[in-house]
């Protein structure tokens, strides 16, 4: 009986130990720190790409663009990327002064002048300026140009557009992260390669991946720049008075020039006609007249010109002289 009492605690302790060892054996094992690849075929073609993909950490993105590791750590945020562009046509009382006022106001808002084009047609100067404005100061810039401290007399036209590129930015960021992870994995493979052919092949893939990263980074930078700074093109002109337009439409000097040109054209036409008549038509008419006259003289002497059946009158006898005393 005493032996049975001693075996019961020992059996309980043994069951506990067995249960603990079974739980430990069912625990997931850690993944190897690096993927060992041997042999020359491991680095050729798809083999190197599969090795890089297996060694690279997987980056899972959610619908809002955050990685799987970031889910739960980053709250909701309003990071929409919108590209704003627009144009505005203004009539101002003084173009040079309006340009200075607009430039100073845009600079005060944090923007700058991107391009400019000015011209002067007599007393009517015009200017077309392209401004780059911080996206969050877009409405302030429009209000500035609509007023210009009283220099704006009329807003002729105004047009604005907004294109959201948030999805493109998120997609580019995710692709860059994945390519960077692949680049790190390929660098690790290159360090473990022993054959020159393997090293050269991995370096070629590294060069391709680096080119893709740089191209996508340039696209992302351009999108961020256009989304961060809106583009506004403003055209400045002075109002044109109706009487000025009517006076500009009638120019006596131009009318005189047109009349003189018409007279010269008519005289030239008459002179040309006279030259043609003297040199061409007059000799032809003289020749034709001579031919007609010669033909008529010949016909008259031949008798073809007489009418048939015509009787010539008898010749008149000469008259006798009268004698005295008869």
Protein backbone atom coordinates (compact mmCIF):
# COMPACT_ATOMS: atom_id res chain seq x y z
CA UNK A 1 0.00 0.00 0.00
CA UNK A 2 2.85 2.29 0.87
CA UNK A 3 4.42 1.53 -2.54
CA UNK A 4 1.23 2.49 -4.38
CA UNK A 5 1.11 5.81 -2.53
CA UNK A 6 4.66 6.52 -3.68
CA UNK A 7 3.95 5.62 -7.32
CA UNK A 8 0.93 7.95 -7.64
CA UNK A 9 2.94 11.24 -7.28
CA UNK A 10 5.70 9.89 -9.51
CA UNK A 11 3.16 9.04 -12.25
CA UNK A 12 1.56 12.48 -12.02
CA UNK A 13 4.96 14.16 -12.39
CA UNK A 14 5.72 11.95 -15.41
CA UNK A 15 2.43 12.87 -17.09
CA UNK A 16 3.15 16.57 -16.59
CA UNK A 17 6.62 16.22 -18.13
CA UNK A 18 5.24 14.31 -21.13
CA UNK A 19 2.55 16.93 -21.71
CA UNK A 20 5.09 19.77 -21.62
CA UNK A 21 7.41 18.02 -24.06
CA UNK A 22 4.52 17.39 -26.47
CA UNK A 23 3.52 21.05 -26.41
CA UNK A 24 7.10 22.09 -27.13
CA UNK A 25 7.29 19.72 -30.09
CA UNK A 26 4.07 21.17 -31.56
CA UNK A 27 5.39 24.80 -31.44
CA UNK A 28 6.30 26.29 -34.88
CA UNK A 29 9.97 26.28 -35.70
CA UNK A 30 11.74 29.46 -36.74
CA UNK A 31 12.56 29.94 -40.40
CA UNK A 32 16.22 29.71 -41.34
CA UNK A 33 18.05 33.02 -41.33
CA UNK A 34 19.32 32.59 -44.85
CA UNK A 35 18.62 30.31 -47.75
CA UNK A 36 21.67 28.27 -48.58
CA UNK A 37 22.11 27.77 -52.33
CA UNK A 38 24.86 25.62 -53.77
CA UNK A 39 25.79 24.70 -57.28
CA UNK A 40 25.97 26.78 -60.44
CA UNK A 41 22.35 26.11 -61.48
CA UNK A 42 20.97 27.88 -58.44
CA UNK A 43 21.85 31.30 -59.89
CA UNK A 44 20.70 30.80 -63.47
CA UNK A 45 17.45 32.22 -64.88
CA UNK A 46 14.41 31.78 -62.68
CA UNK A 47 16.48 30.04 -59.99
CA UNK A 48 18.08 33.30 -58.84
CA UNK A 49 14.73 35.09 -58.96
CA UNK A 50 13.02 32.39 -56.88
CA UNK A 51 15.88 32.48 -54.40
CA UNK A 52 15.64 36.28 -54.18
CA UNK A 53 11.88 36.10 -53.73
CA UNK A 54 12.22 33.49 -50.98
CA UNK A 55 14.92 35.45 -49.18
CA UNK A 56 13.17 38.82 -49.56
CA UNK A 57 10.67 39.73 -46.85
CA UNK A 58 7.12 39.71 -48.10
CA UNK A 59 5.40 43.07 -48.09
CA UNK A 60 1.63 42.82 -47.96
CA UNK A 61 -0.30 46.00 -48.58
CA UNK A 62 -3.80 46.71 -47.47
CA UNK A 63 -6.40 48.67 -49.41
CA UNK A 64 -5.38 51.95 -47.81
CA UNK A 65 -1.74 51.44 -48.80
CA UNK A 66 -0.33 50.52 -45.36
CA UNK A 67 1.73 47.37 -44.91
CA UNK A 68 0.52 44.38 -42.91
CA UNK A 69 2.93 45.27 -40.11
CA UNK A 70 1.51 48.76 -39.95
CA UNK A 71 -2.12 47.65 -39.59
CA UNK A 72 -3.31 48.52 -36.16
CA UNK A 73 -0.42 50.91 -35.48
CA UNK A 74 -1.41 53.72 -37.85
CA UNK A 75 -4.84 55.25 -37.53
CA UNK A 76 -7.00 56.67 -40.28
CA UNK A 77 -5.50 59.71 -41.95
CA UNK A 78 -6.43 62.07 -44.77
CA UNK A 79 -3.46 61.85 -47.13
CA UNK A 80 -5.24 62.19 -50.49
CA UNK A 81 -2.94 63.39 -53.25
CA UNK A 82 -4.68 65.76 -55.67
CA UNK A 83 -3.13 67.53 -58.67
CA UNK A 84 -4.75 70.93 -59.20
CA UNK A 85 -4.41 72.94 -62.41
CA UNK A 86 -6.26 76.01 -63.61
CA UNK A 87 -6.30 79.16 -65.71
CA UNK A 88 -7.73 82.62 -65.17
CA UNK A 89 -8.13 85.51 -67.64
CA UNK A 90 -8.07 88.95 -66.02
CA UNK A 91 -8.63 92.50 -67.18
CA UNK A 92 -6.57 94.94 -65.10
CA UNK A 93 -6.15 98.67 -65.09
CA UNK A 94 -2.33 98.53 -65.14
CA UNK A 95 -0.56 95.40 -66.37
CA UNK A 96 2.97 96.05 -65.00
CA UNK A 97 1.65 97.02 -61.58
CA UNK A 98 -0.70 94.04 -61.54
CA UNK A 99 2.19 91.70 -62.36
CA UNK A 100 4.25 93.02 -59.45
CA UNK A 101 1.32 92.77 -57.05
CA UNK A 102 0.50 89.21 -58.15
CA UNK A 103 4.14 88.11 -57.89
CA UNK A 104 4.54 89.52 -54.38
CA UNK A 105 1.28 87.92 -53.27
CA UNK A 106 2.13 84.48 -54.69
CA UNK A 107 5.58 84.54 -53.09
CA UNK A 108 3.98 85.46 -49.77
CA UNK A 109 1.76 82.38 -50.09
CA UNK A 110 4.85 80.20 -50.55
CA UNK A 111 4.66 79.88 -54.34
CA UNK A 112 6.81 81.06 -57.19
CA UNK A 113 6.68 82.05 -60.87
CA UNK A 114 7.14 79.02 -63.10
CA UNK A 115 7.03 80.70 -66.55
CA UNK A 116 6.14 84.05 -68.07
CA UNK A 117 5.38 85.54 -71.48
CA UNK A 118 4.74 89.25 -72.09
CA UNK A 119 3.99 91.27 -75.23
CA UNK A 120 3.12 94.88 -76.06
CA UNK A 121 0.78 95.73 -78.95
CA UNK A 122 0.85 99.50 -78.98
CA UNK A 123 -0.98 100.74 -75.90
CA UNK A 124 -2.34 97.28 -75.08
CA UNK A 125 0.24 95.20 -73.14
CA UNK A 126 -0.57 91.58 -72.33
CA UNK A 127 1.13 89.03 -70.10
CA UNK A 128 0.72 85.31 -69.43
CA UNK A 129 2.26 84.03 -66.20
CA UNK A 130 2.34 80.46 -64.83
CA UNK A 131 2.40 80.26 -61.03
CA UNK A 132 3.28 77.25 -58.84
CA UNK A 133 1.27 77.46 -55.64
CA UNK A 134 1.21 75.23 -52.54
CA UNK A 135 -1.82 72.98 -52.80
CA UNK A 136 -3.25 74.11 -49.48
CA UNK A 137 -3.12 77.78 -50.59
CA UNK A 138 -4.97 77.28 -53.87
CA UNK A 139 -8.11 79.20 -52.94
CA UNK A 140 -6.05 81.99 -51.39
CA UNK A 141 -4.18 82.41 -54.68
CA UNK A 142 -7.43 82.61 -56.65
CA UNK A 143 -8.81 85.23 -54.26
CA UNK A 144 -5.57 87.18 -54.61
CA UNK A 145 -5.75 87.30 -58.41
CA UNK A 146 -9.45 88.14 -58.42
CA UNK A 147 -8.72 91.34 -56.51
CA UNK A 148 -5.05 92.40 -56.78
CA UNK A 149 -5.71 95.33 -54.43
CA UNK A 150 -8.33 96.79 -56.79
CA UNK A 151 -6.27 96.43 -59.97
CA UNK A 152 -8.47 93.66 -61.38
CA UNK A 153 -11.39 95.23 -63.22
CA UNK A 154 -12.95 92.05 -64.59
CA UNK A 155 -12.49 88.28 -64.39
CA UNK A 156 -13.13 87.25 -68.00
CA UNK A 157 -12.78 83.46 -67.60
CA UNK A 158 -11.76 81.06 -64.85
CA UNK A 159 -11.17 77.31 -65.18
CA UNK A 160 -9.87 74.81 -62.61
CA UNK A 161 -9.32 71.04 -62.58
CA UNK A 162 -8.51 68.53 -59.82
CA UNK A 163 -7.24 65.01 -60.47
CA UNK A 164 -6.72 62.61 -57.56
CA UNK A 165 -3.57 60.46 -57.83
CA UNK A 166 -3.62 58.84 -54.40
CA UNK A 167 -3.92 55.37 -55.88
CA UNK A 168 -0.98 55.94 -58.22
CA UNK A 169 1.20 57.19 -55.36
CA UNK A 170 0.35 54.18 -53.17
CA UNK A 171 0.99 51.77 -56.02
CA UNK A 172 4.37 53.33 -56.80
CA UNK A 173 5.38 53.24 -53.14
CA UNK A 174 4.47 49.56 -52.83
CA UNK A 175 6.34 48.63 -56.01
CA UNK A 176 9.42 50.52 -54.86
CA UNK A 177 9.39 48.76 -51.49
CA UNK A 178 9.10 45.34 -53.14
CA UNK A 179 11.90 46.11 -55.56
CA UNK A 180 14.10 47.35 -52.73
CA UNK A 181 13.50 44.10 -50.83
CA UNK A 182 14.41 42.10 -53.92
CA UNK A 183 17.54 44.21 -54.32
CA UNK A 184 18.64 43.40 -50.77
CA UNK A 185 18.02 39.70 -51.36
CA UNK A 186 20.00 39.71 -54.61
CA UNK A 187 22.87 41.49 -52.88
CA UNK A 188 22.94 38.69 -50.29
CA UNK A 189 22.97 36.06 -53.04
CA UNK A 190 25.79 37.88 -54.82
CA UNK A 191 27.88 37.81 -51.63
CA UNK A 192 27.48 34.01 -51.37
CA UNK A 193 28.14 33.30 -55.05
CA UNK A 194 31.42 31.57 -55.87
CA UNK A 195 31.38 31.34 -59.65
CA UNK A 196 32.09 34.35 -61.84
CA UNK A 197 29.17 33.50 -64.15
CA UNK A 198 26.83 33.43 -61.16
CA UNK A 199 28.12 36.76 -59.90
CA UNK A 200 27.72 38.37 -63.32
CA UNK A 201 24.15 37.10 -63.69
CA UNK A 202 23.14 38.34 -60.26
CA UNK A 203 24.78 41.70 -60.95
CA UNK A 204 22.79 41.99 -64.18
CA UNK A 205 19.58 41.38 -62.26
CA UNK A 206 20.65 43.89 -59.63
CA UNK A 207 21.24 46.48 -62.37
CA UNK A 208 17.76 45.84 -63.79
CA UNK A 209 16.12 46.11 -60.38
CA UNK A 210 18.03 49.30 -59.59
CA UNK A 211 16.88 50.83 -62.91
CA UNK A 212 13.27 50.01 -62.12
CA UNK A 213 13.61 51.53 -58.66
CA UNK A 214 15.06 54.76 -60.06
CA UNK A 215 12.37 55.03 -62.75
CA UNK A 216 9.53 54.49 -60.27
CA UNK A 217 11.16 56.88 -57.81
CA UNK A 218 11.27 59.59 -60.50
CA UNK A 219 7.57 59.04 -61.27
CA UNK A 220 6.70 59.20 -57.58
CA UNK A 221 8.70 62.41 -57.16
CA UNK A 222 6.93 64.01 -60.13
CA UNK A 223 3.50 63.07 -58.78
CA UNK A 224 4.34 64.38 -55.32
CA UNK A 225 5.68 67.62 -56.82
CA UNK A 226 2.58 68.23 -58.92
CA UNK A 227 0.32 67.31 -56.02
CA UNK A 228 2.25 69.47 -53.59
CA UNK A 229 2.36 72.53 -55.87
CA UNK A 230 -0.65 73.41 -58.01
CA UNK A 231 -0.23 75.08 -61.41
CA UNK A 232 -2.19 78.24 -62.21
CA UNK A 233 -1.84 80.16 -65.49
CA UNK A 234 -3.01 83.80 -65.39
CA UNK A 235 -3.45 86.10 -68.39
CA UNK A 236 -3.38 89.87 -67.81
CA UNK A 237 -4.83 92.38 -70.30
CA UNK A 238 -6.16 95.95 -70.19
CA UNK A 239 -9.81 96.63 -71.09
CA UNK A 240 -10.33 97.87 -74.64
CA UNK A 241 -12.78 100.80 -75.10
CA UNK A 242 -15.36 100.45 -77.89
CA UNK A 243 -14.48 103.84 -79.42
CA UNK A 244 -10.87 102.77 -79.55
CA UNK A 245 -11.85 99.64 -81.40
CA UNK A 246 -13.98 101.66 -83.87
CA UNK A 247 -11.21 104.20 -84.43
CA UNK A 248 -8.69 101.39 -84.87
CA UNK A 249 -10.92 99.80 -87.49
CA UNK A 250 -10.88 102.95 -89.73
CA UNK A 251 -7.51 104.17 -90.97
CA UNK A 252 -7.59 106.95 -93.61
CA UNK A 253 -4.02 106.30 -94.63
CA UNK A 254 -4.81 102.68 -95.36
CA UNK A 255 -7.86 103.70 -97.40
CA UNK A 256 -5.75 106.15 -99.45
CA UNK A 257 -3.18 103.46 -100.05
CA UNK A 258 -5.85 101.01 -101.19
CA UNK A 259 -7.42 103.62 -103.55
CA UNK A 260 -4.03 104.52 -105.01
CA UNK A 261 -3.21 100.87 -105.49
CA UNK A 262 -6.55 100.34 -107.29
CA UNK A 263 -5.91 103.35 -109.59
CA UNK A 264 -2.43 102.13 -110.41
CA UNK A 265 -3.82 98.71 -111.17
CA UNK A 266 -6.43 100.14 -113.54
CA UNK A 267 -3.87 102.31 -115.34
CA UNK A 268 -1.56 99.37 -115.66
CA UNK A 269 -4.38 97.33 -117.19
CA UNK A 270 -5.15 100.10 -119.71
CA UNK A 271 -1.47 100.48 -120.59
CA UNK A 272 -1.16 96.75 -121.09
CA UNK A 273 -4.20 96.78 -123.37
CA UNK A 274 -2.73 99.65 -125.44
CA UNK A 275 0.59 97.86 -125.77
CA UNK A 276 -1.12 94.69 -126.92
CA UNK A 277 -3.22 96.69 -129.48
CA UNK A 278 -0.22 98.53 -130.95
CA UNK A 279 2.08 95.54 -131.11
CA UNK A 280 -0.32 92.69 -131.90
CA UNK A 281 -3.75 93.74 -133.05
CA UNK A 282 -2.93 96.86 -135.12
CA UNK A 283 -0.55 95.04 -137.55
CA UNK A 284 -3.07 92.24 -137.89
CA UNK A 285 -5.86 94.72 -138.73
CA UNK A 286 -3.66 96.53 -141.28
CA UNK A 287 -2.79 93.30 -143.04
CA UNK A 288 -6.41 92.19 -143.07
CA UNK A 289 -7.51 95.60 -144.43
CA UNK A 290 -4.94 95.44 -147.23
CA UNK A 291 -6.03 91.94 -148.20
CA UNK A 292 -9.69 92.95 -148.28
CA UNK A 293 -8.94 96.06 -150.43
CA UNK A 294 -6.79 94.09 -152.91
CA UNK A 295 -9.46 91.43 -153.25
CA UNK A 296 -12.14 94.02 -153.96
CA UNK A 297 -9.99 95.75 -156.67
CA UNK A 298 -9.28 92.47 -158.42
CA UNK A 299 -12.90 91.45 -158.44
CA UNK A 300 -13.99 94.81 -159.81
CA UNK A 301 -11.60 94.66 -162.76
CA UNK A 302 -12.34 91.06 -163.59
CA UNK A 303 -16.05 91.74 -163.65
CA UNK A 304 -17.02 89.36 -161.00
CA UNK A 305 -18.37 92.20 -159.06
CA UNK A 306 -21.08 93.15 -161.65
CA UNK A 307 -24.69 92.02 -161.38
CA UNK A 308 -25.87 89.47 -163.97
CA UNK A 309 -28.19 90.85 -166.82
CA UNK A 310 -27.19 94.41 -166.33
CA UNK A 311 -27.35 96.47 -169.67
CA UNK A 312 -24.89 99.18 -170.11
CA UNK A 313 -26.38 102.47 -171.37
CA UNK A 314 -25.46 103.47 -175.02
CA UNK A 315 -22.68 105.89 -175.30
CA UNK A 316 -23.74 109.48 -175.71
CA UNK A 317 -22.87 110.92 -179.23
CA UNK A 318 -20.71 113.96 -179.23
CA UNK A 319 -22.66 117.18 -179.74
CA UNK A 320 -22.14 119.17 -183.03
CA UNK A 321 -21.09 122.75 -182.79
CA UNK A 322 -23.75 125.32 -183.73
CA UNK A 323 -23.16 127.46 -186.90
CA UNK A 324 -24.25 131.04 -187.28
CA UNK A 325 -27.13 131.89 -189.77
CA UNK A 326 -28.68 128.51 -189.66
